[in-house]
Amino acid sequence: MNFINQTMIKGFMLHGISDIPELHVFTFFLILLIYLLGLVGNLAIVLLVCLDVHLHTPMYFFLSNLSIIDISSSSTALHRIFVAFVTQNNNVPPLACMAQLYIFCSLMSNEISILAAMSYDRYVAICRPLHYHTIMSRRLCGLMALVSWGFGFIEMVPTVFFVSQFTCYISKEIDHYFM
């Protein structure tokens, strides 16, 4: 006889960083402060690269892409803990969990691709210094960034699809601060 577990999870319980109610306010503001510092720092990088003509080089273009990825990934990872702290609701629907998994993993894949593009930029700058401006044109940099972003979001579709097909979970409780 072939038995298959068909347990359906209606949601996950996110435990977060601390289960001690007295620490919730302190923890919330500490995480919010760290998040805002990272947000302001990365926004400053993006704005400086956009506003300063001297920073319109491939290296700073890719650095601003990394800053955008960092803003997006930290917002994706931390939004759920902020909601849990404010609403005291630690339940996460499976669809929201899969959406967060997809976005976060896609952004991490984008980060790796942008870092690879940055390493190619540095390789050309070191090994072909006289041809650097010819090889690393704005068109090539834009194309490399576009491919990196597109590849990252397309690459995670099969992974998240297969994870979403799981029918059995050991526990619906998750001991992390993000899904």
N, C-alpha and C. Protein backbone atom coordinates (compact mmCIF):
# COMPACT_ATOMS: atom_id res chain seq x y z
N MET A 1 0.83 -1.17 0.00
CA MET A 1 0.00 0.00 0.00
C MET A 1 0.89 1.24 0.00
N ASN A 2 0.56 2.19 -0.83
CA ASN A 2 1.38 3.38 -0.98
C ASN A 2 0.66 4.58 -0.34
N PHE A 3 1.18 5.03 0.80
CA PHE A 3 0.59 6.18 1.49
C PHE A 3 1.38 7.44 1.15
N ILE A 4 0.66 8.48 0.86
CA ILE A 4 1.28 9.77 0.57
C ILE A 4 0.69 10.78 1.55
N ASN A 5 1.57 11.55 2.16
CA ASN A 5 1.12 12.57 3.09
C ASN A 5 0.58 13.75 2.30
N GLN A 6 -0.67 14.08 2.49
CA GLN A 6 -1.29 15.19 1.78
C GLN A 6 -1.65 16.33 2.73
N THR A 7 -0.83 16.53 3.75
CA THR A 7 -1.08 17.59 4.72
C THR A 7 -0.98 18.94 4.04
N MET A 8 -2.02 19.73 4.21
CA MET A 8 -2.02 21.07 3.62
C MET A 8 -1.76 22.09 4.72
N ILE A 9 -0.78 22.92 4.52
CA ILE A 9 -0.44 23.97 5.48
C ILE A 9 -1.22 25.21 5.10
N LYS A 10 -1.95 25.77 6.06
CA LYS A 10 -2.71 26.99 5.80
C LYS A 10 -1.88 28.23 6.05
N GLY A 11 -0.74 28.05 6.68
CA GLY A 11 0.13 29.17 6.96
C GLY A 11 1.30 28.73 7.82
N PHE A 12 2.29 29.57 7.89
CA PHE A 12 3.47 29.31 8.71
C PHE A 12 3.48 30.28 9.88
N MET A 13 4.04 29.84 10.98
CA MET A 13 4.16 30.68 12.17
C MET A 13 5.62 31.15 12.24
N LEU A 14 5.80 32.44 12.13
CA LEU A 14 7.13 33.04 12.14
C LEU A 14 7.47 33.44 13.57
N HIS A 15 8.52 32.82 14.12
CA HIS A 15 8.86 33.10 15.51
C HIS A 15 9.64 34.39 15.68
N GLY A 16 10.46 34.75 14.76
CA GLY A 16 11.19 36.01 14.85
C GLY A 16 12.43 35.91 15.71
N ILE A 17 12.89 37.06 16.12
CA ILE A 17 14.14 37.14 16.87
C ILE A 17 13.93 36.85 18.34
N SER A 18 12.88 37.40 18.91
CA SER A 18 12.67 37.26 20.35
C SER A 18 11.21 36.96 20.64
N ASP A 19 10.99 35.97 21.51
CA ASP A 19 9.64 35.66 21.95
C ASP A 19 9.33 36.33 23.29
N ILE A 20 10.24 37.16 23.79
CA ILE A 20 10.04 37.86 25.05
C ILE A 20 9.35 39.19 24.74
N PRO A 21 8.10 39.36 25.19
CA PRO A 21 7.34 40.57 24.83
C PRO A 21 8.00 41.87 25.28
N GLU A 22 8.76 41.85 26.37
CA GLU A 22 9.38 43.07 26.87
C GLU A 22 10.46 43.59 25.92
N LEU A 23 11.03 42.71 25.11
CA LEU A 23 12.09 43.10 24.18
C LEU A 23 11.58 43.50 22.80
N HIS A 24 10.30 43.36 22.54
CA HIS A 24 9.77 43.61 21.20
C HIS A 24 9.98 45.05 20.76
N VAL A 25 9.70 46.00 21.62
CA VAL A 25 9.84 47.41 21.23
C VAL A 25 11.30 47.75 20.99
N PHE A 26 12.19 47.32 21.90
CA PHE A 26 13.62 47.58 21.73
C PHE A 26 14.15 46.92 20.46
N THR A 27 13.78 45.67 20.25
CA THR A 27 14.24 44.93 19.07
C THR A 27 13.72 45.57 17.79
N PHE A 28 12.45 45.97 17.81
CA PHE A 28 11.86 46.61 16.64
C PHE A 28 12.63 47.87 16.26
N PHE A 29 12.88 48.73 17.23
CA PHE A 29 13.57 49.99 16.93
C PHE A 29 15.04 49.78 16.57
N LEU A 30 15.68 48.79 17.14
CA LEU A 30 17.06 48.48 16.79
C LEU A 30 17.15 47.99 15.34
N ILE A 31 16.28 47.08 14.97
CA ILE A 31 16.27 46.58 13.59
C ILE A 31 15.87 47.69 12.63
N LEU A 32 14.90 48.51 13.02
CA LEU A 32 14.49 49.64 12.17
C LEU A 32 15.63 50.62 11.97
N LEU A 33 16.38 50.91 13.02
CA LEU A 33 17.53 51.82 12.91
C LEU A 33 18.59 51.26 11.96
N ILE A 34 18.92 49.99 12.12
CA ILE A 34 19.92 49.37 11.24
C ILE A 34 19.42 49.36 9.79
N TYR A 35 18.15 49.05 9.60
CA TYR A 35 17.56 49.04 8.26
C TYR A 35 17.61 50.44 7.63
N LEU A 36 17.23 51.45 8.40
CA LEU A 36 17.23 52.82 7.87
C LEU A 36 18.65 53.31 7.56
N LEU A 37 19.63 52.93 8.38
CA LEU A 37 21.02 53.30 8.08
C LEU A 37 21.48 52.67 6.76
N GLY A 38 21.16 51.41 6.57
CA GLY A 38 21.50 50.75 5.30
C GLY A 38 20.77 51.37 4.12
N LEU A 39 19.49 51.71 4.33
CA LEU A 39 18.69 52.32 3.29
C LEU A 39 19.25 53.69 2.89
N VAL A 40 19.56 54.52 3.88
CA VAL A 40 20.10 55.85 3.61
C VAL A 40 21.47 55.75 2.93
N GLY A 41 22.32 54.85 3.39
CA GLY A 41 23.64 54.69 2.78
C GLY A 41 23.56 54.25 1.33
N ASN A 42 22.70 53.28 1.05
CA ASN A 42 22.56 52.81 -0.33
C ASN A 42 21.89 53.84 -1.22
N LEU A 43 20.91 54.55 -0.70
CA LEU A 43 20.29 55.62 -1.49
C LEU A 43 21.29 56.74 -1.78
N ALA A 44 22.16 57.02 -0.82
CA ALA A 44 23.20 58.03 -1.05
C ALA A 44 24.14 57.60 -2.17
N ILE A 45 24.49 56.33 -2.21
CA ILE A 45 25.36 55.84 -3.29
C ILE A 45 24.67 56.01 -4.64
N VAL A 46 23.41 55.60 -4.72
CA VAL A 46 22.68 55.70 -5.99
C VAL A 46 22.55 57.16 -6.42
N LEU A 47 22.20 58.03 -5.49
CA LEU A 47 22.04 59.45 -5.83
C LEU A 47 23.37 60.09 -6.25
N LEU A 48 24.44 59.78 -5.53
CA LEU A 48 25.75 60.34 -5.90
C LEU A 48 26.19 59.88 -7.27
N VAL A 49 25.96 58.62 -7.58
CA VAL A 49 26.35 58.11 -8.90
C VAL A 49 25.51 58.77 -9.99
N CYS A 50 24.25 59.01 -9.72
CA CYS A 50 23.38 59.65 -10.71
C CYS A 50 23.72 61.13 -10.90
N LEU A 51 24.05 61.82 -9.80
CA LEU A 51 24.23 63.28 -9.86
C LEU A 51 25.63 63.73 -10.26
N ASP A 52 26.64 62.97 -9.90
CA ASP A 52 28.02 63.38 -10.17
C ASP A 52 28.48 62.80 -11.51
N VAL A 53 28.81 63.68 -12.43
CA VAL A 53 29.22 63.27 -13.78
C VAL A 53 30.51 62.46 -13.74
N HIS A 54 31.38 62.75 -12.79
CA HIS A 54 32.65 62.02 -12.69
C HIS A 54 32.46 60.56 -12.29
N LEU A 55 31.29 60.24 -11.77
CA LEU A 55 31.01 58.86 -11.35
C LEU A 55 30.23 58.07 -12.39
N HIS A 56 30.11 58.61 -13.58
CA HIS A 56 29.41 57.90 -14.66
C HIS A 56 30.39 56.97 -15.37
N THR A 57 30.92 56.03 -14.63
CA THR A 57 31.83 55.02 -15.16
C THR A 57 31.21 53.65 -14.92
N PRO A 58 31.67 52.63 -15.63
CA PRO A 58 31.10 51.29 -15.44
C PRO A 58 31.15 50.79 -13.99
N MET A 59 32.26 51.04 -13.30
CA MET A 59 32.40 50.55 -11.93
C MET A 59 31.30 51.14 -11.04
N TYR A 60 31.05 52.43 -11.13
CA TYR A 60 30.04 53.07 -10.29
C TYR A 60 28.62 52.73 -10.77
N PHE A 61 28.46 52.48 -12.06
CA PHE A 61 27.17 52.02 -12.56
C PHE A 61 26.80 50.68 -11.92
N PHE A 62 27.75 49.75 -11.91
CA PHE A 62 27.49 48.45 -11.28
C PHE A 62 27.36 48.57 -9.77
N LEU A 63 28.10 49.49 -9.18
CA LEU A 63 27.98 49.72 -7.73
C LEU A 63 26.59 50.24 -7.38
N SER A 64 26.04 51.11 -8.20
CA SER A 64 24.68 51.59 -7.93
C SER A 64 23.66 50.47 -8.12
N ASN A 65 23.91 49.57 -9.07
CA ASN A 65 23.05 48.40 -9.21
C ASN A 65 23.11 47.53 -7.96
N LEU A 66 24.29 47.35 -7.41
CA LEU A 66 24.43 46.60 -6.16
C LEU A 66 23.69 47.27 -5.01
N SER A 67 23.73 48.59 -4.97
CA SER A 67 23.01 49.31 -3.93
C SER A 67 21.50 49.12 -4.06
N ILE A 68 21.01 49.14 -5.27
CA ILE A 68 19.58 48.91 -5.50
C ILE A 68 19.20 47.49 -5.07
N ILE A 69 20.04 46.53 -5.38
CA ILE A 69 19.80 45.15 -4.96
C ILE A 69 19.81 45.05 -3.44
N ASP A 70 20.74 45.74 -2.80
CA ASP A 70 20.82 45.70 -1.34
C ASP A 70 19.58 46.32 -0.70
N ILE A 71 19.11 47.42 -1.23
CA ILE A 71 17.88 48.04 -0.72
C ILE A 71 16.71 47.08 -0.88
N SER A 72 16.61 46.48 -2.05
CA SER A 72 15.49 45.58 -2.32
C SER A 72 15.54 44.32 -1.47
N SER A 73 16.72 43.72 -1.34
CA SER A 73 16.81 42.47 -0.58
C SER A 73 16.59 42.70 0.91
N SER A 74 17.11 43.79 1.46
CA SER A 74 16.87 44.04 2.88
C SER A 74 15.40 44.38 3.12
N SER A 75 14.77 45.09 2.19
CA SER A 75 13.34 45.37 2.33
C SER A 75 12.51 44.09 2.22
N THR A 76 12.90 43.21 1.33
CA THR A 76 12.19 41.93 1.18
C THR A 76 12.34 41.07 2.42
N ALA A 77 13.53 41.03 2.97
CA ALA A 77 13.78 40.16 4.12
C ALA A 77 13.16 40.71 5.40
N LEU A 78 13.16 42.01 5.56
CA LEU A 78 12.74 42.60 6.83
C LEU A 78 11.28 43.05 6.89
N HIS A 79 10.60 43.12 5.77
CA HIS A 79 9.23 43.62 5.82
C HIS A 79 8.34 42.73 6.67
N ARG A 80 8.56 41.42 6.62
CA ARG A 80 7.71 40.50 7.37
C ARG A 80 7.91 40.64 8.87
N ILE A 81 9.14 40.86 9.31
CA ILE A 81 9.36 41.02 10.74
C ILE A 81 8.78 42.34 11.23
N PHE A 82 8.81 43.39 10.42
CA PHE A 82 8.20 44.65 10.81
C PHE A 82 6.68 44.48 10.94
N VAL A 83 6.06 43.76 10.02
CA VAL A 83 4.63 43.50 10.10
C VAL A 83 4.31 42.70 11.35
N ALA A 84 5.13 41.69 11.66
CA ALA A 84 4.89 40.87 12.84
C ALA A 84 5.02 41.68 14.12
N PHE A 85 6.00 42.57 14.18
CA PHE A 85 6.17 43.41 15.38
C PHE A 85 5.00 44.37 15.56
N VAL A 86 4.55 44.99 14.48
CA VAL A 86 3.52 46.01 14.59
C VAL A 86 2.13 45.40 14.83
N THR A 87 1.80 44.34 14.09
CA THR A 87 0.45 43.77 14.18
C THR A 87 0.34 42.63 15.17
N GLN A 88 1.46 42.13 15.67
CA GLN A 88 1.49 40.95 16.55
C GLN A 88 0.92 39.72 15.86
N ASN A 89 0.92 39.72 14.55
CA ASN A 89 0.43 38.59 13.76
C ASN A 89 1.64 37.91 13.12
N ASN A 90 1.96 36.70 13.59
CA ASN A 90 3.12 35.98 13.09
C ASN A 90 2.78 34.97 12.01
N ASN A 91 1.52 34.90 11.59
CA ASN A 91 1.13 33.94 10.56
C ASN A 91 1.48 34.47 9.18
N VAL A 92 2.03 33.59 8.37
CA VAL A 92 2.40 33.94 7.00
C VAL A 92 1.73 32.94 6.06
N PRO A 93 0.89 33.41 5.14
CA PRO A 93 0.27 32.49 4.18
C PRO A 93 1.33 31.87 3.27
N PRO A 94 1.10 30.64 2.80
CA PRO A 94 2.09 29.98 1.92
C PRO A 94 2.40 30.76 0.65
N LEU A 95 1.40 31.43 0.08
CA LEU A 95 1.64 32.21 -1.14
C LEU A 95 2.59 33.38 -0.86
N ALA A 96 2.42 34.04 0.27
CA ALA A 96 3.33 35.13 0.65
C ALA A 96 4.74 34.59 0.91
N CYS A 97 4.81 33.42 1.49
CA CYS A 97 6.11 32.79 1.73
C CYS A 97 6.83 32.49 0.42
N MET A 98 6.10 31.95 -0.56
CA MET A 98 6.69 31.64 -1.85
C MET A 98 7.08 32.90 -2.62
N ALA A 99 6.26 33.95 -2.49
CA ALA A 99 6.59 35.22 -3.15
C ALA A 99 7.86 35.81 -2.56
N GLN A 100 7.97 35.78 -1.24
CA GLN A 100 9.16 36.31 -0.60
C GLN A 100 10.38 35.47 -0.95
N LEU A 101 10.23 34.16 -0.99
CA LEU A 101 11.33 33.28 -1.38
C LEU A 101 11.79 33.60 -2.79
N TYR A 102 10.84 33.76 -3.71
CA TYR A 102 11.18 34.07 -5.10
C TYR A 102 11.91 35.40 -5.22
N ILE A 103 11.37 36.43 -4.61
CA ILE A 103 11.98 37.75 -4.73
C ILE A 103 13.36 37.78 -4.09
N PHE A 104 13.49 37.22 -2.89
CA PHE A 104 14.77 37.26 -2.19
C PHE A 104 15.84 36.45 -2.94
N CYS A 105 15.49 35.24 -3.37
CA CYS A 105 16.47 34.41 -4.10
C CYS A 105 16.82 35.03 -5.45
N SER A 106 15.85 35.65 -6.11
CA SER A 106 16.13 36.32 -7.38
C SER A 106 17.10 37.48 -7.18
N LEU A 107 16.89 38.24 -6.12
CA LEU A 107 17.79 39.37 -5.84
C LEU A 107 19.20 38.88 -5.49
N MET A 108 19.30 37.78 -4.78
CA MET A 108 20.63 37.23 -4.47
C MET A 108 21.32 36.73 -5.74
N SER A 109 20.54 36.14 -6.64
CA SER A 109 21.10 35.72 -7.92
C SER A 109 21.53 36.93 -8.74
N ASN A 110 20.74 38.00 -8.70
CA ASN A 110 21.11 39.25 -9.38
C ASN A 110 22.41 39.80 -8.81
N GLU A 111 22.54 39.74 -7.49
CA GLU A 111 23.76 40.26 -6.86
C GLU A 111 25.00 39.51 -7.34
N ILE A 112 24.90 38.21 -7.44
CA ILE A 112 26.03 37.41 -7.92
C ILE A 112 26.36 37.77 -9.37
N SER A 113 25.33 37.95 -10.18
CA SER A 113 25.55 38.30 -11.59
C SER A 113 26.17 39.69 -11.73
N ILE A 114 25.71 40.64 -10.93
CA ILE A 114 26.29 42.00 -10.98
C ILE A 114 27.74 41.97 -10.49
N LEU A 115 28.02 41.17 -9.47
CA LEU A 115 29.41 41.04 -9.02
C LEU A 115 30.29 40.43 -10.10
N ALA A 116 29.74 39.49 -10.87
CA ALA A 116 30.50 38.92 -11.99
C ALA A 116 30.75 39.99 -13.06
N ALA A 117 29.75 40.82 -13.32
CA ALA A 117 29.93 41.92 -14.29
C ALA A 117 30.98 42.90 -13.79
N MET A 118 30.98 43.18 -12.49
CA MET A 118 31.99 44.08 -11.91
C MET A 118 33.38 43.47 -12.04
N SER A 119 33.48 42.18 -11.85
CA SER A 119 34.79 41.54 -11.97
C SER A 119 35.28 41.56 -13.41
N TYR A 120 34.37 41.43 -14.37
CA TYR A 120 34.76 41.56 -15.77
C TYR A 120 35.23 42.98 -16.07
N ASP A 121 34.54 43.96 -15.51
CA ASP A 121 34.95 45.36 -15.67
C ASP A 121 36.37 45.57 -15.15
N ARG A 122 36.67 45.05 -13.99
CA ARG A 122 38.01 45.20 -13.40
C ARG A 122 39.05 44.42 -14.21
N TYR A 123 38.66 43.26 -14.73
CA TYR A 123 39.57 42.48 -15.58
C TYR A 123 39.96 43.28 -16.81
N VAL A 124 38.98 43.89 -17.46
CA VAL A 124 39.26 44.68 -18.66
C VAL A 124 40.12 45.89 -18.30
N ALA A 125 39.83 46.53 -17.17
CA ALA A 125 40.59 47.71 -16.75
C ALA A 125 42.05 47.36 -16.48
N ILE A 126 42.31 46.18 -15.96
CA ILE A 126 43.68 45.78 -15.61
C ILE A 126 44.41 45.17 -16.81
N CYS A 127 43.75 44.27 -17.53
CA CYS A 127 44.42 43.55 -18.60
C CYS A 127 44.38 44.25 -19.95
N ARG A 128 43.44 45.11 -20.18
CA ARG A 128 43.32 45.84 -21.45
C ARG A 128 43.10 47.33 -21.19
N PRO A 129 44.02 47.99 -20.49
CA PRO A 129 43.76 49.38 -20.12
C PRO A 129 43.60 50.33 -21.30
N LEU A 130 44.29 50.07 -22.40
CA LEU A 130 44.17 50.97 -23.54
C LEU A 130 42.87 50.80 -24.31
N HIS A 131 42.27 49.63 -24.19
CA HIS A 131 41.01 49.36 -24.88
C HIS A 131 39.81 49.43 -23.94
N TYR A 132 40.05 49.84 -22.71
CA TYR A 132 38.99 49.79 -21.68
C TYR A 132 37.75 50.56 -22.10
N HIS A 133 37.88 51.80 -22.55
CA HIS A 133 36.71 52.61 -22.89
C HIS A 133 36.01 52.12 -24.14
N THR A 134 36.74 51.44 -24.99
CA THR A 134 36.11 50.87 -26.19
C THR A 134 35.32 49.62 -25.83
N ILE A 135 35.91 48.77 -24.99
CA ILE A 135 35.24 47.52 -24.62
C ILE A 135 34.07 47.77 -23.67
N MET A 136 34.32 48.53 -22.60
CA MET A 136 33.30 48.76 -21.57
C MET A 136 32.46 50.00 -21.91
N SER A 137 31.75 49.92 -23.00
CA SER A 137 30.89 51.04 -23.42
C SER A 137 29.62 51.07 -22.56
N ARG A 138 28.91 52.17 -22.66
CA ARG A 138 27.64 52.27 -21.92
C ARG A 138 26.67 51.20 -22.37
N ARG A 139 26.69 50.92 -23.66
CA ARG A 139 25.79 49.90 -24.20
C ARG A 139 26.08 48.54 -23.60
N LEU A 140 27.36 48.15 -23.53
CA LEU A 140 27.73 46.86 -22.96
C LEU A 140 27.39 46.81 -21.47
N CYS A 141 27.65 47.87 -20.74
CA CYS A 141 27.33 47.90 -19.31
C CYS A 141 25.83 47.76 -19.09
N GLY A 142 25.05 48.48 -19.88
CA GLY A 142 23.60 48.37 -19.76
C GLY A 142 23.10 46.98 -20.12
N LEU A 143 23.69 46.40 -21.15
CA LEU A 143 23.32 45.05 -21.55
C LEU A 143 23.69 44.03 -20.48
N MET A 144 24.89 44.19 -19.89
CA MET A 144 25.31 43.27 -18.83
C MET A 144 24.38 43.38 -17.61
N ALA A 145 24.00 44.59 -17.25
CA ALA A 145 23.08 44.79 -16.12
C ALA A 145 21.71 44.21 -16.44
N LEU A 146 21.23 44.45 -17.64
CA LEU A 146 19.92 43.94 -18.05
C LEU A 146 19.90 42.41 -18.03
N VAL A 147 20.93 41.80 -18.56
CA VAL A 147 21.02 40.34 -18.56
C VAL A 147 21.12 39.81 -17.13
N SER A 148 21.88 40.49 -16.29
CA SER A 148 22.01 40.07 -14.89
C SER A 148 20.67 40.10 -14.18
N TRP A 149 19.94 41.20 -14.34
CA TRP A 149 18.64 41.33 -13.69
C TRP A 149 17.65 40.31 -14.27
N GLY A 150 17.62 40.19 -15.58
CA GLY A 150 16.69 39.24 -16.21
C GLY A 150 16.99 37.80 -15.84
N PHE A 151 18.26 37.45 -15.89
CA PHE A 151 18.67 36.08 -15.56
C PHE A 151 18.31 35.74 -14.11
N GLY A 152 18.52 36.68 -13.21
CA GLY A 152 18.24 36.42 -11.80
C GLY A 152 16.77 36.12 -11.55
N PHE A 153 15.89 36.86 -12.22
CA PHE A 153 14.46 36.65 -11.99
C PHE A 153 13.93 35.43 -12.74
N ILE A 154 14.52 35.10 -13.88
CA ILE A 154 14.07 33.92 -14.62
C ILE A 154 14.61 32.64 -13.98
N GLU A 155 15.82 32.70 -13.49
CA GLU A 155 16.49 31.52 -12.94
C GLU A 155 15.75 30.92 -11.75
N MET A 156 15.09 31.74 -10.94
CA MET A 156 14.46 31.26 -9.72
C MET A 156 13.06 30.71 -9.92
N VAL A 157 12.48 30.88 -11.10
CA VAL A 157 11.12 30.39 -11.34
C VAL A 157 11.01 28.88 -11.13
N PRO A 158 11.87 28.05 -11.74
CA PRO A 158 11.73 26.60 -11.51
C PRO A 158 11.97 26.19 -10.05
N THR A 159 12.91 26.82 -9.39
CA THR A 159 13.21 26.48 -8.00
C THR A 159 12.00 26.74 -7.11
N VAL A 160 11.43 27.91 -7.21
CA VAL A 160 10.27 28.25 -6.38
C VAL A 160 9.06 27.40 -6.76
N PHE A 161 8.93 27.10 -8.04
CA PHE A 161 7.83 26.23 -8.47
C PHE A 161 7.93 24.86 -7.81
N PHE A 162 9.12 24.26 -7.83
CA PHE A 162 9.27 22.94 -7.22
C PHE A 162 9.10 22.99 -5.70
N VAL A 163 9.59 24.04 -5.07
CA VAL A 163 9.41 24.17 -3.62
C VAL A 163 7.93 24.33 -3.29
N SER A 164 7.19 25.05 -4.12
CA SER A 164 5.77 25.25 -3.85
C SER A 164 4.96 23.97 -4.02
N GLN A 165 5.51 22.98 -4.69
CA GLN A 165 4.81 21.72 -4.90
C GLN A 165 4.95 20.75 -3.74
N PHE A 166 5.78 21.08 -2.76
CA PHE A 166 5.93 20.20 -1.60
C PHE A 166 4.58 20.07 -0.90
N THR A 167 4.25 18.85 -0.52
CA THR A 167 2.97 18.62 0.16
C THR A 167 3.15 18.30 1.64
N CYS A 168 4.35 18.10 2.07
CA CYS A 168 4.58 17.72 3.46
C CYS A 168 5.65 18.62 4.06
N TYR A 169 5.33 19.20 5.18
CA TYR A 169 6.27 20.02 5.91
C TYR A 169 6.45 19.43 7.30
N ILE A 170 7.66 19.44 7.81
CA ILE A 170 7.92 18.88 9.14
C ILE A 170 7.20 19.70 10.20
N SER A 171 7.26 21.01 10.06
CA SER A 171 6.63 21.88 11.04
C SER A 171 6.16 23.14 10.34
N LYS A 172 5.10 23.71 10.87
CA LYS A 172 4.65 24.98 10.31
C LYS A 172 5.26 26.16 11.05
N GLU A 173 6.11 25.89 12.04
CA GLU A 173 6.79 26.93 12.79
C GLU A 173 8.18 27.17 12.21
N ILE A 174 8.51 28.43 12.00
CA ILE A 174 9.79 28.79 11.40
C ILE A 174 10.54 29.66 12.41
N ASP A 175 11.74 29.24 12.78
CA ASP A 175 12.54 29.93 13.77
C ASP A 175 13.49 30.94 13.13
N HIS A 176 12.99 31.74 12.21
CA HIS A 176 13.79 32.77 11.55
C HIS A 176 13.00 34.07 11.55
N TYR A 177 13.68 35.14 11.25
CA TYR A 177 12.98 36.42 11.23
C TYR A 177 12.48 36.79 9.84
N PHE A 178 12.81 35.99 8.85
CA PHE A 178 12.19 36.20 7.54
C PHE A 178 12.01 34.84 6.89
N MET A 179 11.10 34.79 5.95
CA MET A 179 10.75 33.53 5.29
C MET A 179 11.75 33.22 4.21
